[in-house]
Amino acid sequence: MTSPAAPLPAPTGRTRRHVLPGLNLTLGYALLYLSVLVIVPLAGLVLRASGLGLAGFWREVSAPRVLTALGVSFGTALAASLINVLLGLLIAWTLTRYWVPGRRLIDALIDLPFALPTAVAGITLTALLAPNGWIGQLLAQHDLRVVYTRTGIVIALIFIGLPFVVRSLQPVLEDLGHEQEEAAWSLGASPVQTFMRVILPELLPALLSGFTLALARTVGEYGSVVFISGNLPFKTEIAPLLIVSKLEQYNYAGAAAVAVVMLLVSVTLLLVANTVQARLVRRSGTAV
């Protein structure tokens, strides 16, 4: 009678095999990719702006036209992203919790801004909302004007940023289930209390993630805004268009200075949003 086979030795760190190549190879590819596409261009941008000197840089970015354009870009992007949080929550909730006729078509239309060129979106919105457009004619009867105003810019940015919020919320709502809601109802909680105390805390990280993605996407939007804004200096001129104008005037250092300000503000907003999101995730994990 043969003795039972000896158990195989446990794998050690030297014999462990991975699907992907080694750490050094993958890390090298990642750093090379990051350097070529992100770090080197941003470093060149900062280097070009530094040629102005501190006084020249401040003179460029503190000009009234530049400050107004930056305010239009960040103000409209922030307003559109906040509106998208509410609209995205309603749409994602409806698509995941209710049966809606044409649900597949609606779900596909949400991704339309991803596939549609932004310039085409801008031309289409301008044609619809112009005083002689299908929707613009109805608004003109009530003395409402959208094209060539900041309201038109916000509408264009809502169209561009909405998919980011919806797609961030849908997986969370699908995994959430109904058990927690039913437990809250059995304890006597009202629908509002159930949403505010049970559902909303679970959705906050996804909401903040969608808001951050929408803000990052819309703050530098150019194609869908350049037509509907009218590009009126001190009124509806956006910062990306101002950068293009400076480039056409061969003021490369001035364009780089404005771009650096947009970069610094955007990175700061993203860092703050990511920090808050990490704390929300940590708090929800601790609560569980």
C-alpha atoms as a PDB file:
ATOM      1  CA  MET A   1       0.000   0.000   0.000  1.00  0.00           C
ATOM      2  CA  THR A   2       1.491   3.309  -1.073  1.00  0.00           C
ATOM      3  CA  SER A   3       1.815   6.147   1.364  1.00  0.00           C
ATOM      4  CA  PRO A   4      -0.193   9.308   0.705  1.00  0.00           C
ATOM      5  CA  ALA A   5       1.524  11.972  -1.331  1.00  0.00           C
ATOM      6  CA  ALA A   6       3.190  14.710   0.637  1.00  0.00           C
ATOM      7  CA  PRO A   7       1.450  18.102   0.500  1.00  0.00           C
ATOM      8  CA  LEU A   8       2.867  20.630  -1.884  1.00  0.00           C
ATOM      9  CA  PRO A   9       4.941  23.367  -0.254  1.00  0.00           C
ATOM     10  CA  ALA A  10       3.263  26.715   0.213  1.00  0.00           C
ATOM     11  CA  PRO A  11       4.276  29.223  -2.417  1.00  0.00           C
ATOM     12  CA  THR A  12       6.866  31.693  -1.288  1.00  0.00           C
ATOM     13  CA  GLY A  13       7.486  35.220  -2.404  1.00  0.00           C
ATOM     14  CA  ARG A  14      10.133  34.021  -4.869  1.00  0.00           C
ATOM     15  CA  THR A  15       7.943  31.367  -6.512  1.00  0.00           C
ATOM     16  CA  ARG A  16       4.693  33.374  -6.650  1.00  0.00           C
ATOM     17  CA  ARG A  17       3.617  34.065 -10.205  1.00  0.00           C
ATOM     18  CA  HIS A  18       1.579  37.017 -11.442  1.00  0.00           C
ATOM     19  CA  VAL A  19      -0.544  37.502 -14.520  1.00  0.00           C
ATOM     20  CA  LEU A  20       1.028  40.878 -15.247  1.00  0.00           C
ATOM     21  CA  PRO A  21       4.781  41.436 -15.669  1.00  0.00           C
ATOM     22  CA  GLY A  22       7.016  42.340 -12.763  1.00  0.00           C
ATOM     23  CA  LEU A  23       6.670  45.449 -10.640  1.00  0.00           C
ATOM     24  CA  ASN A  24       9.665  47.214 -12.156  1.00  0.00           C
ATOM     25  CA  LEU A  25       8.420  46.760 -15.709  1.00  0.00           C
ATOM     26  CA  THR A  26       4.823  47.832 -15.050  1.00  0.00           C
ATOM     27  CA  LEU A  27       5.923  50.734 -12.853  1.00  0.00           C
ATOM     28  CA  GLY A  28       8.321  51.881 -15.555  1.00  0.00           C
ATOM     29  CA  TYR A  29       5.601  51.822 -18.228  1.00  0.00           C
ATOM     30  CA  ALA A  30       3.197  53.680 -15.910  1.00  0.00           C
ATOM     31  CA  LEU A  31       5.730  56.396 -15.092  1.00  0.00           C
ATOM     32  CA  LEU A  32       6.700  56.766 -18.751  1.00  0.00           C
ATOM     33  CA  TYR A  33       3.055  57.052 -19.798  1.00  0.00           C
ATOM     34  CA  LEU A  34       2.347  59.561 -17.027  1.00  0.00           C
ATOM     35  CA  SER A  35       5.423  61.625 -17.858  1.00  0.00           C
ATOM     36  CA  VAL A  36       4.825  61.827 -21.608  1.00  0.00           C
ATOM     37  CA  LEU A  37       1.114  62.636 -21.424  1.00  0.00           C
ATOM     38  CA  VAL A  38       0.840  64.639 -18.191  1.00  0.00           C
ATOM     39  CA  ILE A  39       3.998  65.748 -16.407  1.00  0.00           C
ATOM     40  CA  VAL A  40       6.082  66.926 -19.373  1.00  0.00           C
ATOM     41  CA  PRO A  41       3.290  69.023 -21.007  1.00  0.00           C
ATOM     42  CA  LEU A  42       2.330  70.599 -17.666  1.00  0.00           C
ATOM     43  CA  ALA A  43       5.965  71.330 -16.867  1.00  0.00           C
ATOM     44  CA  GLY A  44       6.365  72.975 -20.268  1.00  0.00           C
ATOM     45  CA  LEU A  45       3.260  75.062 -19.606  1.00  0.00           C
ATOM     46  CA  VAL A  46       4.566  76.274 -16.251  1.00  0.00           C
ATOM     47  CA  LEU A  47       8.018  76.924 -17.734  1.00  0.00           C
ATOM     48  CA  ARG A  48       6.523  79.023 -20.522  1.00  0.00           C
ATOM     49  CA  ALA A  49       4.490  81.089 -18.050  1.00  0.00           C
ATOM     50  CA  SER A  50       7.514  81.558 -15.767  1.00  0.00           C
ATOM     51  CA  GLY A  51       9.236  83.475 -18.551  1.00  0.00           C
ATOM     52  CA  LEU A  52       7.027  86.442 -17.703  1.00  0.00           C
ATOM     53  CA  GLY A  53       8.466  86.778 -14.227  1.00  0.00           C
ATOM     54  CA  LEU A  54       6.352  87.181 -11.130  1.00  0.00           C
ATOM     55  CA  ALA A  55       5.315  90.747 -11.928  1.00  0.00           C
ATOM     56  CA  GLY A  56       4.495  89.970 -15.543  1.00  0.00           C
ATOM     57  CA  PHE A  57       2.580  86.835 -14.568  1.00  0.00           C
ATOM     58  CA  TRP A  58       0.472  88.780 -12.077  1.00  0.00           C
ATOM     59  CA  ARG A  59      -0.136  91.523 -14.627  1.00  0.00           C
ATOM     60  CA  GLU A  60      -1.429  88.997 -17.142  1.00  0.00           C
ATOM     61  CA  VAL A  61      -3.728  87.044 -14.822  1.00  0.00           C
ATOM     62  CA  SER A  62      -5.070  90.050 -12.908  1.00  0.00           C
ATOM     63  CA  ALA A  63      -6.304  91.884 -16.001  1.00  0.00           C
ATOM     64  CA  PRO A  64     -10.060  92.588 -15.742  1.00  0.00           C
ATOM     65  CA  ARG A  65     -10.842  90.678 -18.922  1.00  0.00           C
ATOM     66  CA  VAL A  66      -8.940  87.611 -17.688  1.00  0.00           C
ATOM     67  CA  LEU A  67     -10.616  87.688 -14.264  1.00  0.00           C
ATOM     68  CA  THR A  68     -14.044  87.988 -15.870  1.00  0.00           C
ATOM     69  CA  ALA A  69     -13.363  85.083 -18.249  1.00  0.00           C
ATOM     70  CA  LEU A  70     -12.130  82.904 -15.368  1.00  0.00           C
ATOM     71  CA  GLY A  71     -15.216  83.794 -13.357  1.00  0.00           C
ATOM     72  CA  VAL A  72     -17.493  82.865 -16.256  1.00  0.00           C
ATOM     73  CA  SER A  73     -15.740  79.521 -16.809  1.00  0.00           C
ATOM     74  CA  PHE A  74     -15.609  78.389 -13.185  1.00  0.00           C
ATOM     75  CA  GLY A  75     -18.952  79.923 -12.214  1.00  0.00           C
ATOM     76  CA  THR A  76     -20.930  78.325 -15.025  1.00  0.00           C
ATOM     77  CA  ALA A  77     -19.118  74.987 -14.609  1.00  0.00           C
ATOM     78  CA  LEU A  78     -19.885  74.951 -10.881  1.00  0.00           C
ATOM     79  CA  ALA A  79     -23.551  75.848 -11.459  1.00  0.00           C
ATOM     80  CA  ALA A  80     -23.933  73.205 -14.175  1.00  0.00           C
ATOM     81  CA  SER A  81     -22.263  70.529 -12.025  1.00  0.00           C
ATOM     82  CA  LEU A  82     -24.530  71.261  -9.061  1.00  0.00           C
ATOM     83  CA  ILE A  83     -27.597  71.053 -11.297  1.00  0.00           C
ATOM     84  CA  ASN A  84     -26.269  67.817 -12.772  1.00  0.00           C
ATOM     85  CA  VAL A  85     -26.029  66.311  -9.286  1.00  0.00           C
ATOM     86  CA  LEU A  86     -29.777  66.764  -8.832  1.00  0.00           C
ATOM     87  CA  LEU A  87     -30.733  65.770 -12.384  1.00  0.00           C
ATOM     88  CA  GLY A  88     -28.338  62.839 -12.402  1.00  0.00           C
ATOM     89  CA  LEU A  89     -29.730  61.523  -9.124  1.00  0.00           C
ATOM     90  CA  LEU A  90     -33.302  61.717 -10.417  1.00  0.00           C
ATOM     91  CA  ILE A  91     -32.439  60.016 -13.715  1.00  0.00           C
ATOM     92  CA  ALA A  92     -30.307  57.290 -12.141  1.00  0.00           C
ATOM     93  CA  TRP A  93     -32.969  56.636  -9.488  1.00  0.00           C
ATOM     94  CA  THR A  94     -35.701  56.365 -12.128  1.00  0.00           C
ATOM     95  CA  LEU A  95     -33.707  54.039 -14.373  1.00  0.00           C
ATOM     96  CA  THR A  96     -32.709  51.690 -11.536  1.00  0.00           C
ATOM     97  CA  ARG A  97     -35.854  51.661  -9.368  1.00  0.00           C
ATOM     98  CA  TYR A  98     -38.737  51.875 -11.854  1.00  0.00           C
ATOM     99  CA  TRP A  99     -39.770  50.326 -15.119  1.00  0.00           C
ATOM    100  CA  VAL A 100     -39.913  53.093 -17.702  1.00  0.00           C
ATOM    101  CA  PRO A 101     -41.101  52.673 -21.313  1.00  0.00           C
ATOM    102  CA  GLY A 102     -38.125  53.084 -23.615  1.00  0.00           C
ATOM    103  CA  ARG A 103     -35.674  52.598 -20.763  1.00  0.00           C
ATOM    104  CA  ARG A 104     -32.965  51.206 -23.032  1.00  0.00           C
ATOM    105  CA  LEU A 105     -33.285  54.150 -25.390  1.00  0.00           C
ATOM    106  CA  ILE A 106     -33.084  56.644 -22.518  1.00  0.00           C
ATOM    107  CA  ASP A 107     -30.091  54.812 -21.098  1.00  0.00           C
ATOM    108  CA  ALA A 108     -28.352  55.001 -24.478  1.00  0.00           C
ATOM    109  CA  LEU A 109     -29.159  58.694 -24.939  1.00  0.00           C
ATOM    110  CA  ILE A 110     -27.410  59.501 -21.663  1.00  0.00           C
ATOM    111  CA  ASP A 111     -24.105  58.517 -23.277  1.00  0.00           C
ATOM    112  CA  LEU A 112     -24.764  60.706 -26.323  1.00  0.00           C
ATOM    113  CA  PRO A 113     -22.421  63.520 -25.133  1.00  0.00           C
ATOM    114  CA  PHE A 114     -19.598  60.957 -25.036  1.00  0.00           C
ATOM    115  CA  ALA A 115     -20.024  60.059 -28.696  1.00  0.00           C
ATOM    116  CA  LEU A 116     -21.201  63.386 -30.106  1.00  0.00           C
ATOM    117  CA  PRO A 117     -18.502  65.929 -31.046  1.00  0.00           C
ATOM    118  CA  THR A 118     -18.783  68.895 -28.728  1.00  0.00           C
ATOM    119  CA  ALA A 119     -18.867  71.345 -31.621  1.00  0.00           C
ATOM    120  CA  VAL A 120     -21.895  69.536 -33.049  1.00  0.00           C
ATOM    121  CA  ALA A 121     -23.572  69.736 -29.638  1.00  0.00           C
ATOM    122  CA  GLY A 122     -22.889  73.466 -29.469  1.00  0.00           C
ATOM    123  CA  ILE A 123     -24.254  74.140 -32.939  1.00  0.00           C
ATOM    124  CA  THR A 124     -27.353  72.038 -32.237  1.00  0.00           C
ATOM    125  CA  LEU A 125     -28.105  73.766 -28.937  1.00  0.00           C
ATOM    126  CA  THR A 126     -27.575  77.176 -30.513  1.00  0.00           C
ATOM    127  CA  ALA A 127     -29.948  76.339 -33.371  1.00  0.00           C
ATOM    128  CA  LEU A 128     -32.623  75.098 -30.949  1.00  0.00           C
ATOM    129  CA  LEU A 129     -32.333  77.943 -28.438  1.00  0.00           C
ATOM    130  CA  ALA A 130     -31.816  80.849 -30.868  1.00  0.00           C
ATOM    131  CA  PRO A 131     -34.714  83.328 -31.151  1.00  0.00           C
ATOM    132  CA  ASN A 132     -35.705  81.693 -34.450  1.00  0.00           C
ATOM    133  CA  GLY A 133     -35.169  78.130 -33.185  1.00  0.00           C
ATOM    134  CA  TRP A 134     -37.841  75.642 -32.135  1.00  0.00           C
ATOM    135  CA  ILE A 135     -37.386  76.257 -28.417  1.00  0.00           C
ATOM    136  CA  GLY A 136     -36.054  79.797 -28.732  1.00  0.00           C
ATOM    137  CA  GLN A 137     -39.263  80.967 -30.407  1.00  0.00           C
ATOM    138  CA  LEU A 138     -41.295  79.853 -27.398  1.00  0.00           C
ATOM    139  CA  LEU A 139     -38.886  81.550 -25.006  1.00  0.00           C
ATOM    140  CA  ALA A 140     -38.879  84.747 -27.057  1.00  0.00           C
ATOM    141  CA  GLN A 141     -42.635  85.047 -26.594  1.00  0.00           C
ATOM    142  CA  HIS A 142     -41.967  85.493 -22.863  1.00  0.00           C
ATOM    143  CA  ASP A 143     -38.997  87.823 -23.404  1.00  0.00           C
ATOM    144  CA  LEU A 144     -36.543  85.103 -22.383  1.00  0.00           C
ATOM    145  CA  ARG A 145     -33.196  84.865 -24.113  1.00  0.00           C
ATOM    146  CA  VAL A 146     -30.767  81.982 -23.712  1.00  0.00           C
ATOM    147  CA  VAL A 147     -28.292  82.256 -26.580  1.00  0.00           C
ATOM    148  CA  TYR A 148     -25.353  84.598 -25.957  1.00  0.00           C
ATOM    149  CA  THR A 149     -25.976  84.586 -22.208  1.00  0.00           C
ATOM    150  CA  ARG A 150     -24.448  82.751 -19.259  1.00  0.00           C
ATOM    151  CA  THR A 151     -27.657  80.755 -18.989  1.00  0.00           C
ATOM    152  CA  GLY A 152     -26.939  79.274 -22.408  1.00  0.00           C
ATOM    153  CA  ILE A 153     -23.427  78.347 -21.281  1.00  0.00           C
ATOM    154  CA  VAL A 154     -24.844  76.561 -18.227  1.00  0.00           C
ATOM    155  CA  ILE A 155     -27.307  74.623 -20.406  1.00  0.00           C
ATOM    156  CA  ALA A 156     -24.508  73.492 -22.719  1.00  0.00           C
ATOM    157  CA  LEU A 157     -22.375  72.401 -19.763  1.00  0.00           C
ATOM    158  CA  ILE A 158     -25.305  70.509 -18.226  1.00  0.00           C
ATOM    159  CA  PHE A 159     -25.598  68.528 -21.447  1.00  0.00           C
ATOM    160  CA  ILE A 160     -21.872  67.735 -21.412  1.00  0.00           C
ATOM    161  CA  GLY A 161     -21.526  66.832 -17.727  1.00  0.00           C
ATOM    162  CA  LEU A 162     -24.748  64.919 -17.014  1.00  0.00           C
ATOM    163  CA  PRO A 163     -23.492  61.435 -18.073  1.00  0.00           C
ATOM    164  CA  PHE A 164     -20.687  61.531 -15.490  1.00  0.00           C
ATOM    165  CA  VAL A 165     -23.124  61.893 -12.602  1.00  0.00           C
ATOM    166  CA  VAL A 166     -25.598  59.302 -13.885  1.00  0.00           C
ATOM    167  CA  ARG A 167     -22.921  56.688 -14.566  1.00  0.00           C
ATOM    168  CA  SER A 168     -21.358  57.265 -11.141  1.00  0.00           C
ATOM    169  CA  LEU A 169     -24.663  56.703  -9.345  1.00  0.00           C
ATOM    170  CA  GLN A 170     -26.163  53.804 -11.300  1.00  0.00           C
ATOM    171  CA  PRO A 171     -23.882  51.012  -9.985  1.00  0.00           C
ATOM    172  CA  VAL A 172     -24.317  52.178  -6.385  1.00  0.00           C
ATOM    173  CA  LEU A 173     -28.110  52.283  -6.678  1.00  0.00           C
ATOM    174  CA  GLU A 174     -28.191  48.849  -8.302  1.00  0.00           C
ATOM    175  CA  ASP A 175     -26.115  47.341  -5.472  1.00  0.00           C
ATOM    176  CA  LEU A 176     -27.960  49.162  -2.709  1.00  0.00           C
ATOM    177  CA  GLY A 177     -31.073  46.986  -2.838  1.00  0.00           C
ATOM    178  CA  HIS A 178     -34.278  47.499  -0.860  1.00  0.00           C
ATOM    179  CA  GLU A 179     -33.437  45.744   2.421  1.00  0.00           C
ATOM    180  CA  GLN A 180     -32.268  48.863   4.243  1.00  0.00           C
ATOM    181  CA  GLU A 181     -35.288  50.847   3.074  1.00  0.00           C
ATOM    182  CA  GLU A 182     -37.693  48.126   4.226  1.00  0.00           C
ATOM    183  CA  ALA A 183     -35.945  47.943   7.590  1.00  0.00           C
ATOM    184  CA  ALA A 184     -36.283  51.697   8.038  1.00  0.00           C
ATOM    185  CA  TRP A 185     -39.970  51.572   7.099  1.00  0.00           C
ATOM    186  CA  SER A 186     -40.583  48.752   9.572  1.00  0.00           C
ATOM    187  CA  LEU A 187     -39.126  50.980  12.302  1.00  0.00           C
ATOM    188  CA  GLY A 188     -41.568  53.749  11.440  1.00  0.00           C
ATOM    189  CA  ALA A 189     -39.352  56.012   9.339  1.00  0.00           C
ATOM    190  CA  SER A 190     -41.028  58.213   6.770  1.00  0.00           C
ATOM    191  CA  PRO A 191     -39.921  58.166   3.098  1.00  0.00           C
ATOM    192  CA  VAL A 192     -38.040  61.444   3.600  1.00  0.00           C
ATOM    193  CA  GLN A 193     -36.276  60.147   6.715  1.00  0.00           C
ATOM    194  CA  THR A 194     -35.424  56.909   4.938  1.00  0.00           C
ATOM    195  CA  PHE A 195     -33.855  58.761   2.044  1.00  0.00           C
ATOM    196  CA  MET A 196     -31.962  61.320   4.143  1.00  0.00           C
ATOM    197  CA  ARG A 197     -30.647  58.934   6.818  1.00  0.00           C
ATOM    198  CA  VAL A 198     -30.355  55.598   5.029  1.00  0.00           C
ATOM    199  CA  ILE A 199     -29.976  56.086   1.270  1.00  0.00           C
ATOM    200  CA  LEU A 200     -28.249  59.465   0.928  1.00  0.00           C
ATOM    201  CA  PRO A 201     -25.220  58.580   3.135  1.00  0.00           C
ATOM    202  CA  GLU A 202     -24.563  55.592   0.869  1.00  0.00           C
ATOM    203  CA  LEU A 203     -24.841  57.758  -2.237  1.00  0.00           C
ATOM    204  CA  LEU A 204     -22.711  60.690  -1.066  1.00  0.00           C
ATOM    205  CA  PRO A 205     -19.324  59.295  -2.241  1.00  0.00           C
ATOM    206  CA  ALA A 206     -20.762  58.494  -5.687  1.00  0.00           C
ATOM    207  CA  LEU A 207     -22.497  61.869  -5.850  1.00  0.00           C
ATOM    208  CA  LEU A 208     -19.264  63.654  -5.018  1.00  0.00           C
ATOM    209  CA  SER A 209     -17.371  61.546  -7.543  1.00  0.00           C
ATOM    210  CA  GLY A 210     -19.878  62.388 -10.274  1.00  0.00           C
ATOM    211  CA  PHE A 211     -19.798  66.061  -9.318  1.00  0.00           C
ATOM    212  CA  THR A 212     -15.988  66.096  -9.470  1.00  0.00           C
ATOM    213  CA  LEU A 213     -15.891  64.387 -12.859  1.00  0.00           C
ATOM    214  CA  ALA A 214     -18.543  66.724 -14.269  1.00  0.00           C
ATOM    215  CA  LEU A 215     -16.757  69.803 -12.934  1.00  0.00           C
ATOM    216  CA  ALA A 216     -13.397  68.675 -14.290  1.00  0.00           C
ATOM    217  CA  ARG A 217     -14.969  67.999 -17.684  1.00  0.00           C
ATOM    218  CA  THR A 218     -16.938  71.220 -18.001  1.00  0.00           C
ATOM    219  CA  VAL A 219     -14.539  73.786 -16.566  1.00  0.00           C
ATOM    220  CA  GLY A 220     -12.357  73.660 -19.661  1.00  0.00           C
ATOM    221  CA  GLU A 221     -15.108  72.952 -22.199  1.00  0.00           C
ATOM    222  CA  TYR A 222     -14.703  74.805 -25.473  1.00  0.00           C
ATOM    223  CA  GLY A 223     -16.514  73.231 -28.424  1.00  0.00           C
ATOM    224  CA  SER A 224     -20.052  73.147 -27.062  1.00  0.00           C
ATOM    225  CA  VAL A 225     -19.779  76.605 -25.466  1.00  0.00           C
ATOM    226  CA  VAL A 226     -18.031  78.705 -28.081  1.00  0.00           C
ATOM    227  CA  PHE A 227     -21.139  78.919 -30.309  1.00  0.00           C
ATOM    228  CA  ILE A 228     -23.867  79.431 -27.721  1.00  0.00           C
ATOM    229  CA  SER A 229     -21.910  81.908 -25.588  1.00  0.00           C
ATOM    230  CA  GLY A 230     -21.445  84.581 -28.248  1.00  0.00           C
ATOM    231  CA  ASN A 231     -17.924  85.241 -26.859  1.00  0.00           C
ATOM    232  CA  LEU A 232     -18.758  88.721 -25.602  1.00  0.00           C
ATOM    233  CA  PRO A 233     -15.806  90.136 -23.599  1.00  0.00           C
ATOM    234  CA  PHE A 234     -16.646  90.910 -19.948  1.00  0.00           C
ATOM    235  CA  LYS A 235     -19.988  89.091 -20.382  1.00  0.00           C
ATOM    236  CA  THR A 236     -19.908  85.605 -21.876  1.00  0.00           C
ATOM    237  CA  GLU A 237     -16.280  85.104 -22.858  1.00  0.00           C
ATOM    238  CA  ILE A 238     -14.859  81.894 -21.391  1.00  0.00           C
ATOM    239  CA  ALA A 239     -11.255  81.347 -20.330  1.00  0.00           C
ATOM    240  CA  PRO A 240     -10.438  78.678 -22.974  1.00  0.00           C
ATOM    241  CA  LEU A 241     -11.532  81.084 -25.714  1.00  0.00           C
ATOM    242  CA  LEU A 242      -9.406  83.831 -24.172  1.00  0.00           C
ATOM    243  CA  ILE A 243      -6.418  81.482 -24.262  1.00  0.00           C
ATOM    244  CA  VAL A 244      -7.058  80.777 -27.947  1.00  0.00           C
ATOM    245  CA  SER A 245      -7.318  84.532 -28.606  1.00  0.00           C
ATOM    246  CA  LYS A 246      -3.946  85.136 -26.949  1.00  0.00           C
ATOM    247  CA  LEU A 247      -2.413  82.339 -28.986  1.00  0.00           C
ATOM    248  CA  GLU A 248      -3.732  83.879 -32.207  1.00  0.00           C
ATOM    249  CA  GLN A 249      -2.088  87.138 -31.137  1.00  0.00           C
ATOM    250  CA  TYR A 250       1.217  85.254 -30.574  1.00  0.00           C
ATOM    251  CA  ASN A 251       1.053  86.044 -26.862  1.00  0.00           C
ATOM    252  CA  TYR A 252       2.132  82.539 -25.887  1.00  0.00           C
ATOM    253  CA  ALA A 253       3.362  83.486 -22.419  1.00  0.00           C
ATOM    254  CA  GLY A 254       0.097  85.250 -21.608  1.00  0.00           C
ATOM    255  CA  ALA A 255      -1.920  82.260 -22.788  1.00  0.00           C
ATOM    256  CA  ALA A 256       0.251  79.976 -20.660  1.00  0.00           C
ATOM    257  CA  ALA A 257      -0.277  82.208 -17.631  1.00  0.00           C
ATOM    258  CA  VAL A 258      -4.066  81.990 -17.915  1.00  0.00           C
ATOM    259  CA  ALA A 259      -3.808  78.236 -18.430  1.00  0.00           C
ATOM    260  CA  VAL A 260      -1.650  77.883 -15.303  1.00  0.00           C
ATOM    261  CA  VAL A 261      -4.280  79.685 -13.232  1.00  0.00           C
ATOM    262  CA  MET A 262      -6.975  77.366 -14.563  1.00  0.00           C
ATOM    263  CA  LEU A 263      -4.727  74.400 -13.801  1.00  0.00           C
ATOM    264  CA  LEU A 264      -4.060  75.504 -10.215  1.00  0.00           C
ATOM    265  CA  VAL A 265      -7.716  76.186  -9.457  1.00  0.00           C
ATOM    266  CA  SER A 266      -8.831  72.913 -11.050  1.00  0.00           C
ATOM    267  CA  VAL A 267      -6.239  70.835  -9.183  1.00  0.00           C
ATOM    268  CA  THR A 268      -7.205  72.509  -5.903  1.00  0.00           C
ATOM    269  CA  LEU A 269     -10.878  71.746  -6.451  1.00  0.00           C
ATOM    270  CA  LEU A 270     -10.103  68.131  -7.352  1.00  0.00           C
ATOM    271  CA  LEU A 271      -7.903  67.662  -4.284  1.00  0.00           C
ATOM    272  CA  VAL A 272     -10.575  69.067  -1.986  1.00  0.00           C
ATOM    273  CA  ALA A 273     -13.278  66.916  -3.583  1.00  0.00           C
ATOM    274  CA  ASN A 274     -11.140  63.758  -3.420  1.00  0.00           C
ATOM    275  CA  THR A 275     -10.263  64.430   0.225  1.00  0.00           C
ATOM    276  CA  VAL A 276     -13.906  64.848   1.166  1.00  0.00           C
ATOM    277  CA  GLN A 277     -14.844  61.750  -0.828  1.00  0.00           C
ATOM    278  CA  ALA A 278     -12.167  59.654   0.920  1.00  0.00           C
ATOM    279  CA  ARG A 279     -13.446  60.794   4.312  1.00  0.00           C
ATOM    280  CA  LEU A 280     -17.017  59.943   3.368  1.00  0.00           C
ATOM    281  CA  VAL A 281     -15.977  56.470   2.216  1.00  0.00           C
ATOM    282  CA  ARG A 282     -13.962  55.931   5.401  1.00  0.00           C
ATOM    283  CA  ARG A 283     -16.855  57.109   7.557  1.00  0.00           C
ATOM    284  CA  SER A 284     -19.372  54.883   5.791  1.00  0.00           C
ATOM    285  CA  GLY A 285     -16.998  51.922   6.139  1.00  0.00           C
ATOM    286  CA  THR A 286     -16.559  52.619   9.843  1.00  0.00           C
ATOM    287  CA  ALA A 287     -20.337  52.873  10.299  1.00  0.00           C
ATOM    288  CA  VAL A 288     -20.806  49.507   8.646  1.00  0.00           C
END
